[in-house]
Each structure stands twice: as C-alpha cells, then as structure tokens.
Amino acid sequence: MSRGVPRTLRALALAALLPWLGGCGTVGYYAQSLHGHFSLLASARPVQDWVRDATTPPELRARLQLSQAMREFAVAELKLPDNASYRRYADLQRDAAVWNVVAAPELSLQLKTWCFPVLGCVGYRGYFSRDDARALGDELKGEGWEVLVYGVPAYSTLGWSNWLGGDPLLNTFALGPETELARLLFHELAHQEAYADDDTAFNESYATAVERLGLERWLQHRGDAALRAEHERIEARRVQFRALTRGLRAKLDALYRGDAPAEDKRAQKAALMAEFRRDYEALKAREWGGDGAYDGWVGRANNAALAVQGAYGDLVPDFIRLFEREGRDWARFHAEVRRLAKLPKAERRKVLEGAGG
C-alpha cells in the first residue's frame, strides 16, 4: 500500500470560485489552495524543454521521456483524456505536492466530509503547507476525532486547469519505480474521465481500477520480464497487506455497529488493533523477509487510515467486473462509469454492485 492514501486535492484552485468566497466561511482555505496551485503551475515547464536542456540529469531526462510514452499509451490504449495534463514537469523542491487531512470518529469507520461550492463533498482536506495540515489535524484531535495527516505526491484538478497548462508531472513522483509512475498517471487521468459529486469511494475505486487494469496492459506492452517479475513481487505483498487490513476493517465495523457499551467497544477495539499489529509482524517475518515497507502505515493505523483505505479499494472489484461486462472495451467502460456518476448515489451503487450479473 505504498500509495494507498488519497493523492487528489480536488479542483479548489479555480479562479471561477473567487466570487463565492465572501459568504462561504473558508476564505483562508480557498486562498491557500489558489496560491499553492498557481505557484505549482508557474514552476512547470514543457517536458520537451527539460529533455533538451543540457543541465537536466540523465536519470530525469530518461524518466520524463518514459512518462510521455505512458501518456500517449494512456490515450491510445486506455482511452484516457488527450489533453495538456502531464506534459509539463515541475521540481517543487519538497517531498509532497500537498498534505491531506482525514478524520473519523473514535468508534466508526465513517470519514468526516468537507463540502465546497460547485465541487460537492469529499472525505479529506488538502493543504499546500504541511504546518497548516498539522494545525487542522491537531484541532480535530482536540474535538475527539481520530486523524491522519500525510503527504501525497500528486493531485488532480479533474481537467479543469487544462486551459492553464494542465496538471504537471512533479518531482514528488516522477523518479519513483516505473510501475508506480504508470499507476499514478493512469489513476489521475481517470479522475478527469468521470467524477461523481459527494462519492469519494466511487471516484477513488474507479480510478484505482483503471490504474490496476491499465498497469497490466502497460506491462504487456513493455514486454520486460524483469519489470513484470518485480511488479508481481510487489503486488503479491500489496495483496497480502490489503487482505490483512480488510479483515481488520470488517471486525471493527462489526464491533462499531454492535450494541455493546462504548467502554466495552473501546476495550475490544484496542485488542483488535493489537492483534492486527501482531499479525502484521508475523506476515512480515514469514513472507517478506522482514521487509518493513508498511511499518509507517501500521504505526499510524487508526479509524481514519482504515476508512480512507476502504474508499480506495472497496468498490474496485465491482469496477473490474463492470470492465469485463463491457467487453474489456475501454471507451464503453468509461462511458458507463460517466453514466453511473450522474445517477443518485444509492442507485449508482446498486447498479455497480450488480455489474457481475
């Protein structure tokens, strides 16, 4: 789960929203979003400029060239948007594009949501300043919420900033493993293809399904045996970890929905979390040779972390079944997802969950 946390700060950086600010009560938040996003855009240059620049490090040049091959592949093979996004690059001189804040109650896996004019409601709040994100996290903790604050390498403006040059490639993700770069590009471009207001789980699970299916197609296209072997090793570990955390979420959800007194729930919750950490250490020793790739996540695990992981993964099997139902035709698949996104939430979930029928 190297990237199993939200990577998308929704399109808050839109000049069109400025007239709304006076009465919405979140002037400071919108202001930092606008300033942060436009500062990021201003630092981006076309990829070809970086490639031609003699001072560009060879590793970066090669990775930028590969990113453009992925970008063209996304259009031609995955039928993802052919626009300005990810055709420029910016070095932000920091290790995250934004920092997200997510929160959940002490005895629930339901994410706190924030709602914005035009954009609807989302289960996280993003900041271009780490300190601002931590300040909100501390405030929420003081109110009794379980909180997770984390850096994310990229975000999507849903295509709304293409007139300004589009969402750029960033140093925060461009130099990582090839498979992770492909995942991220396909995921973020999927957000530009379809988006349902007020339904984080639908949006993120759709984009995650696109990244997984798209990465498999990319690996076939590449035909690199070593690259595939490394991917399969990492993916096997990711699947095992997802199964472990999914089991914990199921147990906690059943506990929280039960009729036991709150004090009893707290005690059982502590026992389940301790059991989860023991099982993780055993899995790490038995299957991964002691590799602690997920140590940081496990150390911070709480209701907020578990809830947001569910938003990214719980509906993915339904979307993959939908892809199969549409004959593995990418254009038809995206069109059906766009149709579902326009339905009322309950109706869209019913149709999606019946995609295998």
Protein backbone atom coordinates (compact mmCIF):
# COMPACT_ATOMS: atom_id res chain seq x y z
CA MET A 1 0.00 0.00 0.00
CA SER A 2 2.82 2.35 -0.87
CA ARG A 3 0.29 4.82 -2.19
CA GLY A 4 -2.93 3.60 -0.61
CA VAL A 5 -3.93 7.01 0.61
CA PRO A 6 -5.62 9.85 -1.23
CA ARG A 7 -3.45 11.54 -3.84
CA THR A 8 -6.12 14.01 -5.15
CA LEU A 9 -6.79 17.54 -3.98
CA ARG A 10 -9.95 18.45 -5.86
CA ALA A 11 -10.16 21.44 -8.09
CA LEU A 12 -10.19 24.12 -5.44
CA ALA A 13 -7.67 26.19 -7.37
CA LEU A 14 -10.18 27.63 -9.79
CA ALA A 15 -10.34 31.35 -10.33
CA ALA A 16 -14.04 30.95 -11.07
CA LEU A 17 -14.60 30.22 -7.39
CA LEU A 18 -13.30 33.56 -6.18
CA PRO A 19 -16.71 35.29 -6.28
CA TRP A 20 -18.05 32.64 -3.90
CA LEU A 21 -15.52 33.24 -1.17
CA GLY A 22 -17.17 36.09 0.65
CA GLY A 23 -20.01 34.01 2.09
CA CYS A 24 -18.59 30.52 2.30
CA GLY A 25 -16.64 30.94 5.57
CA THR A 26 -13.49 29.30 4.23
CA VAL A 27 -11.68 32.25 2.69
CA GLY A 28 -8.28 31.25 4.12
CA TYR A 29 -8.59 27.70 2.88
CA TYR A 30 -9.53 28.74 -0.65
CA ALA A 31 -6.78 31.34 -0.67
CA GLN A 32 -4.05 28.82 0.21
CA SER A 33 -5.45 26.44 -2.41
CA LEU A 34 -5.40 29.07 -5.12
CA HIS A 35 -1.95 30.35 -4.19
CA GLY A 36 -0.48 26.86 -3.85
CA HIS A 37 -1.89 25.57 -7.09
CA PHE A 38 -0.94 28.56 -9.21
CA SER A 39 2.56 28.56 -7.70
CA LEU A 40 2.89 24.94 -8.73
CA LEU A 41 1.69 25.67 -12.26
CA ALA A 42 4.07 28.62 -12.57
CA SER A 43 7.06 26.41 -11.81
CA ALA A 44 6.23 23.88 -14.57
CA ARG A 45 7.90 23.80 -17.98
CA PRO A 46 7.13 21.61 -21.02
CA VAL A 47 8.70 18.18 -20.78
CA GLN A 48 10.48 18.67 -24.09
CA ASP A 49 12.21 21.76 -22.69
CA TRP A 50 13.60 19.65 -19.85
CA VAL A 51 14.64 16.91 -22.27
CA ARG A 52 16.53 19.36 -24.48
CA ASP A 53 18.14 21.16 -21.55
CA ALA A 54 21.79 20.04 -21.27
CA THR A 55 21.70 20.58 -17.47
CA THR A 56 18.86 18.08 -16.93
CA PRO A 57 20.23 14.99 -15.11
CA PRO A 58 20.24 11.89 -17.38
CA GLU A 59 18.03 9.91 -14.99
CA LEU A 60 15.39 12.64 -15.00
CA ARG A 61 15.59 13.03 -18.79
CA ALA A 62 15.04 9.30 -19.32
CA ARG A 63 12.14 9.20 -16.86
CA LEU A 64 10.44 12.21 -18.46
CA GLN A 65 10.73 10.59 -21.88
CA LEU A 66 9.21 7.40 -20.45
CA SER A 67 6.38 9.41 -18.89
CA GLN A 68 5.43 10.76 -22.30
CA ALA A 69 5.36 7.26 -23.73
CA MET A 70 2.99 6.34 -20.88
CA ARG A 71 0.93 9.44 -21.58
CA GLU A 72 0.48 8.50 -25.22
CA PHE A 73 -0.26 4.91 -24.24
CA ALA A 74 -2.98 6.14 -21.86
CA VAL A 75 -4.69 7.95 -24.74
CA ALA A 76 -4.28 5.28 -27.42
CA GLU A 77 -4.84 2.12 -25.38
CA LEU A 78 -6.78 3.12 -22.26
CA LYS A 79 -8.88 5.83 -23.94
CA LEU A 80 -8.00 8.34 -21.23
CA PRO A 81 -8.12 12.11 -21.93
CA ASP A 82 -5.85 13.56 -24.60
CA ASN A 83 -5.19 16.98 -23.12
CA ALA A 84 -2.47 19.15 -21.60
CA SER A 85 -2.11 17.25 -18.33
CA TYR A 86 1.23 15.57 -17.53
CA ARG A 87 3.01 17.10 -20.50
CA ARG A 88 4.92 19.57 -18.31
CA TYR A 89 7.23 19.00 -15.34
CA ALA A 90 7.95 20.92 -12.14
CA ASP A 91 10.50 20.40 -9.38
CA LEU A 92 8.77 21.58 -6.21
CA GLN A 93 11.87 21.24 -4.04
CA ARG A 94 9.83 19.29 -1.47
CA ASP A 95 8.76 15.69 -0.90
CA ALA A 96 4.97 16.08 -1.30
CA ALA A 97 2.65 18.02 -3.57
CA VAL A 98 0.07 18.55 -0.83
CA TRP A 99 -0.71 17.25 2.65
CA ASN A 100 -4.10 15.69 3.26
CA VAL A 101 -6.08 15.53 6.48
CA VAL A 102 -8.63 12.77 7.06
CA ALA A 103 -10.64 12.11 10.20
CA ALA A 104 -13.06 9.55 11.60
CA PRO A 105 -14.91 9.17 14.92
CA GLU A 106 -13.42 7.10 17.73
CA LEU A 107 -15.95 4.28 17.19
CA SER A 108 -16.76 4.48 13.48
CA LEU A 109 -15.13 3.97 10.09
CA GLN A 110 -17.16 6.78 8.53
CA LEU A 111 -14.93 9.55 7.19
CA LYS A 112 -15.61 13.14 8.11
CA THR A 113 -16.52 15.10 4.99
CA TRP A 114 -15.98 18.69 3.91
CA CYS A 115 -18.28 20.33 1.37
CA PHE A 116 -17.45 23.10 -1.10
CA PRO A 117 -19.43 25.22 -3.58
CA VAL A 118 -19.69 23.58 -7.02
CA LEU A 119 -17.38 20.70 -6.12
CA GLY A 120 -19.56 18.88 -3.61
CA CYS A 121 -18.27 16.93 -0.61
CA VAL A 122 -15.06 14.95 -0.15
CA GLY A 123 -13.68 12.86 2.68
CA TYR A 124 -10.43 14.77 3.14
CA ARG A 125 -8.99 18.28 3.16
CA GLY A 126 -5.77 19.16 1.37
CA TYR A 127 -3.15 21.81 2.13
CA PHE A 128 -0.07 23.04 0.31
CA SER A 129 1.54 23.67 3.72
CA ARG A 130 2.48 20.79 6.00
CA ASP A 131 2.13 23.08 9.02
CA ASP A 132 -1.41 24.11 8.05
CA ALA A 133 -2.41 20.46 7.63
CA ARG A 134 -0.96 19.55 11.02
CA ALA A 135 -2.74 22.50 12.63
CA LEU A 136 -6.10 21.26 11.35
CA GLY A 137 -5.19 17.74 12.44
CA ASP A 138 -4.44 18.95 15.96
CA GLU A 139 -7.71 20.88 16.04
CA LEU A 140 -9.69 17.80 15.02
CA LYS A 141 -7.91 15.63 17.57
CA GLY A 142 -8.89 18.14 20.22
CA GLU A 143 -12.51 17.64 19.16
CA GLY A 144 -12.20 13.87 19.64
CA TRP A 145 -11.62 12.73 16.04
CA GLU A 146 -9.06 10.12 15.05
CA VAL A 147 -6.87 11.86 12.49
CA LEU A 148 -4.32 11.04 9.81
CA VAL A 149 -2.16 13.73 8.18
CA TYR A 150 0.01 12.57 5.29
CA GLY A 151 1.86 13.87 2.27
CA VAL A 152 0.63 12.93 -1.19
CA PRO A 153 2.76 13.00 -4.34
CA ALA A 154 0.13 14.23 -6.82
CA TYR A 155 -3.41 15.51 -7.15
CA SER A 156 -5.94 16.04 -9.89
CA THR A 157 -7.91 19.16 -10.82
CA LEU A 158 -10.29 16.92 -12.79
CA GLY A 159 -9.10 18.53 -16.02
CA TRP A 160 -10.34 21.98 -15.07
CA SER A 161 -6.87 23.51 -15.26
CA ASN A 162 -6.01 22.29 -18.76
CA TRP A 163 -6.51 25.83 -20.04
CA LEU A 164 -3.60 26.79 -17.75
CA GLY A 165 -1.34 24.00 -18.99
CA GLY A 166 -2.86 21.04 -17.17
CA ASP A 167 -1.77 19.10 -14.13
CA PRO A 168 2.03 18.72 -14.35
CA LEU A 169 4.39 15.88 -13.65
CA LEU A 170 6.18 16.52 -10.36
CA ASN A 171 9.48 15.55 -8.75
CA THR A 172 7.39 14.04 -5.93
CA PHE A 173 6.51 11.03 -8.10
CA ALA A 174 8.32 11.17 -11.43
CA LEU A 175 11.51 9.45 -10.28
CA GLY A 176 9.89 6.54 -8.45
CA PRO A 177 9.57 2.98 -9.79
CA GLU A 178 8.27 2.74 -13.34
CA THR A 179 5.20 0.77 -12.31
CA GLU A 180 4.26 3.34 -9.67
CA LEU A 181 4.60 6.19 -12.17
CA ALA A 182 2.30 4.34 -14.57
CA ARG A 183 -0.20 3.66 -11.78
CA LEU A 184 -0.30 7.30 -10.77
CA LEU A 185 -0.68 8.69 -14.28
CA PHE A 186 -3.50 6.30 -15.14
CA HIS A 187 -5.22 6.92 -11.79
CA GLU A 188 -5.13 10.70 -12.03
CA LEU A 189 -6.21 10.76 -15.66
CA ALA A 190 -9.17 8.56 -14.74
CA HIS A 191 -10.36 11.32 -12.41
CA GLN A 192 -10.60 13.56 -15.48
CA GLU A 193 -12.70 10.95 -17.26
CA ALA A 194 -15.51 10.53 -14.69
CA TYR A 195 -16.35 12.09 -11.34
CA ALA A 196 -19.39 11.74 -9.06
CA ASP A 197 -20.15 14.53 -6.64
CA ASP A 198 -20.19 13.55 -2.95
CA ASP A 199 -18.95 9.98 -3.53
CA THR A 200 -15.26 9.61 -2.68
CA ALA A 201 -15.40 5.79 -2.64
CA PHE A 202 -16.90 5.65 -6.16
CA ASN A 203 -14.36 8.10 -7.58
CA GLU A 204 -11.28 6.59 -5.95
CA SER A 205 -12.25 2.97 -6.55
CA TYR A 206 -12.89 3.72 -10.23
CA ALA A 207 -9.51 5.40 -10.59
CA THR A 208 -7.82 2.54 -8.72
CA ALA A 209 -9.46 0.00 -11.02
CA VAL A 210 -8.21 1.98 -14.04
CA GLU A 211 -4.68 2.08 -12.65
CA ARG A 212 -4.61 -1.68 -11.98
CA LEU A 213 -6.10 -2.68 -15.31
CA GLY A 214 -4.03 -0.08 -17.13
CA LEU A 215 -0.81 -1.17 -15.49
CA GLU A 216 -1.42 -4.75 -16.56
CA ARG A 217 -1.88 -3.55 -20.14
CA TRP A 218 1.29 -1.42 -19.86
CA LEU A 219 3.33 -4.39 -18.68
CA GLN A 220 2.09 -6.42 -21.63
CA HIS A 221 3.06 -3.55 -23.91
CA ARG A 222 6.53 -3.27 -22.41
CA GLY A 223 7.29 -6.99 -22.58
CA ASP A 224 10.03 -6.61 -19.95
CA ALA A 225 10.34 -9.85 -17.96
CA ALA A 226 12.36 -8.26 -15.15
CA LEU A 227 9.90 -5.38 -14.80
CA ARG A 228 6.98 -7.81 -14.62
CA ALA A 229 8.71 -10.01 -12.07
CA GLU A 230 9.38 -7.01 -9.83
CA HIS A 231 5.78 -5.87 -10.22
CA GLU A 232 4.44 -9.31 -9.33
CA ARG A 233 6.61 -9.43 -6.22
CA ILE A 234 5.40 -6.03 -5.03
CA GLU A 235 1.80 -6.77 -5.97
CA ALA A 236 1.77 -10.07 -4.09
CA ARG A 237 2.88 -8.21 -0.97
CA ARG A 238 0.31 -5.49 -1.57
CA VAL A 239 -2.47 -8.10 -1.92
CA GLN A 240 -1.45 -9.78 1.32
CA PHE A 241 -1.41 -6.49 3.18
CA ARG A 242 -4.78 -5.45 1.77
CA ALA A 243 -6.27 -8.75 2.94
CA LEU A 244 -4.89 -8.17 6.43
CA THR A 245 -6.27 -4.65 6.71
CA ARG A 246 -9.58 -5.62 5.11
CA GLY A 247 -10.01 -8.24 7.80
CA LEU A 248 -9.36 -5.65 10.50
CA ARG A 249 -11.86 -3.23 8.95
CA ALA A 250 -14.53 -5.92 8.86
CA LYS A 251 -14.01 -6.78 12.53
CA LEU A 252 -14.00 -3.16 13.63
CA ASP A 253 -17.06 -2.30 11.55
CA ALA A 254 -18.99 -5.17 13.12
CA LEU A 255 -17.88 -4.05 16.57
CA TYR A 256 -18.82 -0.41 16.00
CA ARG A 257 -22.25 -1.34 14.64
CA GLY A 258 -22.99 -3.59 17.61
CA ASP A 259 -24.96 -2.78 20.75
CA ALA A 260 -22.16 -3.11 23.31
CA PRO A 261 -21.49 -0.15 25.64
CA ALA A 262 -18.93 2.34 24.40
CA GLU A 263 -16.43 1.35 27.08
CA ASP A 264 -16.60 -2.30 26.01
CA LYS A 265 -16.17 -1.27 22.38
CA ARG A 266 -13.04 0.70 23.26
CA ALA A 267 -11.51 -2.32 25.01
CA GLN A 268 -12.33 -4.68 22.13
CA LYS A 269 -11.03 -2.15 19.63
CA ALA A 270 -7.69 -1.97 21.46
CA ALA A 271 -7.47 -5.77 21.43
CA LEU A 272 -8.24 -5.94 17.69
CA MET A 273 -5.62 -3.30 16.90
CA ALA A 274 -3.01 -5.17 18.96
CA GLU A 275 -3.91 -8.41 17.20
CA PHE A 276 -3.60 -6.70 13.81
CA ARG A 277 -0.10 -5.44 14.63
CA ARG A 278 0.99 -8.91 15.81
CA ASP A 279 -0.39 -10.46 12.61
CA TYR A 280 1.43 -7.85 10.54
CA GLU A 281 4.76 -8.60 12.22
CA ALA A 282 4.21 -12.32 11.65
CA LEU A 283 3.34 -11.76 7.97
CA LYS A 284 6.37 -9.53 7.51
CA ALA A 285 8.70 -12.13 9.01
CA ARG A 286 7.11 -15.14 7.30
CA GLU A 287 6.53 -13.80 3.77
CA TRP A 288 8.61 -10.65 3.26
CA GLY A 289 11.93 -11.47 4.84
CA GLY A 290 11.40 -8.80 7.47
CA ASP A 291 10.91 -6.00 4.92
CA GLY A 292 9.10 -3.18 6.72
CA ALA A 293 7.58 -1.40 3.71
CA TYR A 294 4.32 -0.88 5.58
CA ASP A 295 5.73 -0.17 9.04
CA GLY A 296 4.91 3.53 8.86
CA TRP A 297 1.29 2.92 7.88
CA VAL A 298 0.81 0.27 10.56
CA GLY A 299 2.32 2.53 13.19
CA ARG A 300 -0.20 5.27 12.32
CA ALA A 301 -3.18 2.95 11.75
CA ASN A 302 -6.44 4.24 13.18
CA ASN A 303 -10.06 4.60 12.07
CA ALA A 304 -9.19 7.45 9.69
CA ALA A 305 -6.43 5.47 7.95
CA LEU A 306 -8.61 2.37 7.65
CA ALA A 307 -11.62 4.30 6.38
CA VAL A 308 -9.69 6.05 3.64
CA GLN A 309 -8.11 2.77 2.57
CA GLY A 310 -11.62 1.39 2.16
CA ALA A 311 -12.55 4.34 -0.04
CA TYR A 312 -9.72 3.41 -2.39
CA GLY A 313 -10.39 -0.29 -2.58
CA ASP A 314 -13.82 -1.49 -1.55
CA LEU A 315 -15.55 -0.94 -4.90
CA VAL A 316 -12.60 -1.90 -7.11
CA PRO A 317 -13.84 -5.48 -7.73
CA ASP A 318 -17.19 -4.06 -8.86
CA PHE A 319 -15.49 -1.77 -11.36
CA ILE A 320 -13.34 -4.60 -12.69
CA ARG A 321 -16.48 -6.71 -13.19
CA LEU A 322 -18.03 -3.74 -14.98
CA PHE A 323 -14.98 -3.56 -17.26
CA GLU A 324 -15.43 -7.24 -18.10
CA ARG A 325 -19.17 -6.77 -18.68
CA GLU A 326 -18.38 -4.00 -21.16
CA GLY A 327 -16.27 -6.44 -23.16
CA ARG A 328 -12.97 -5.03 -21.86
CA ASP A 329 -13.67 -2.08 -24.16
CA TRP A 330 -12.14 0.99 -22.52
CA ALA A 331 -14.32 3.56 -24.27
CA ARG A 332 -17.51 1.71 -23.35
CA PHE A 333 -16.28 1.22 -19.78
CA HIS A 334 -15.55 4.92 -19.24
CA ALA A 335 -18.88 5.88 -20.83
CA GLU A 336 -20.76 3.58 -18.46
CA VAL A 337 -18.92 5.00 -15.45
CA ARG A 338 -19.81 8.52 -16.57
CA ARG A 339 -23.44 7.43 -16.83
CA LEU A 340 -23.37 5.92 -13.35
CA ALA A 341 -21.76 9.07 -11.95
CA LYS A 342 -24.86 11.04 -12.92
CA LEU A 343 -27.24 8.74 -11.03
CA PRO A 344 -28.29 9.24 -7.40
CA LYS A 345 -25.71 7.65 -5.11
CA ALA A 346 -27.89 4.76 -3.92
CA GLU A 347 -28.94 3.90 -7.47
CA ARG A 348 -25.38 4.04 -8.82
CA ARG A 349 -24.18 1.69 -6.07
CA LYS A 350 -26.97 -0.77 -6.78
CA VAL A 351 -26.15 -0.85 -10.49
CA LEU A 352 -22.40 -1.08 -9.85
CA GLU A 353 -22.70 -3.91 -7.34
CA GLY A 354 -24.77 -5.83 -9.87
CA ALA A 355 -22.15 -5.41 -12.60
CA GLY A 356 -21.28 -9.08 -12.49
CA GLY A 357 -24.82 -10.13 -13.32
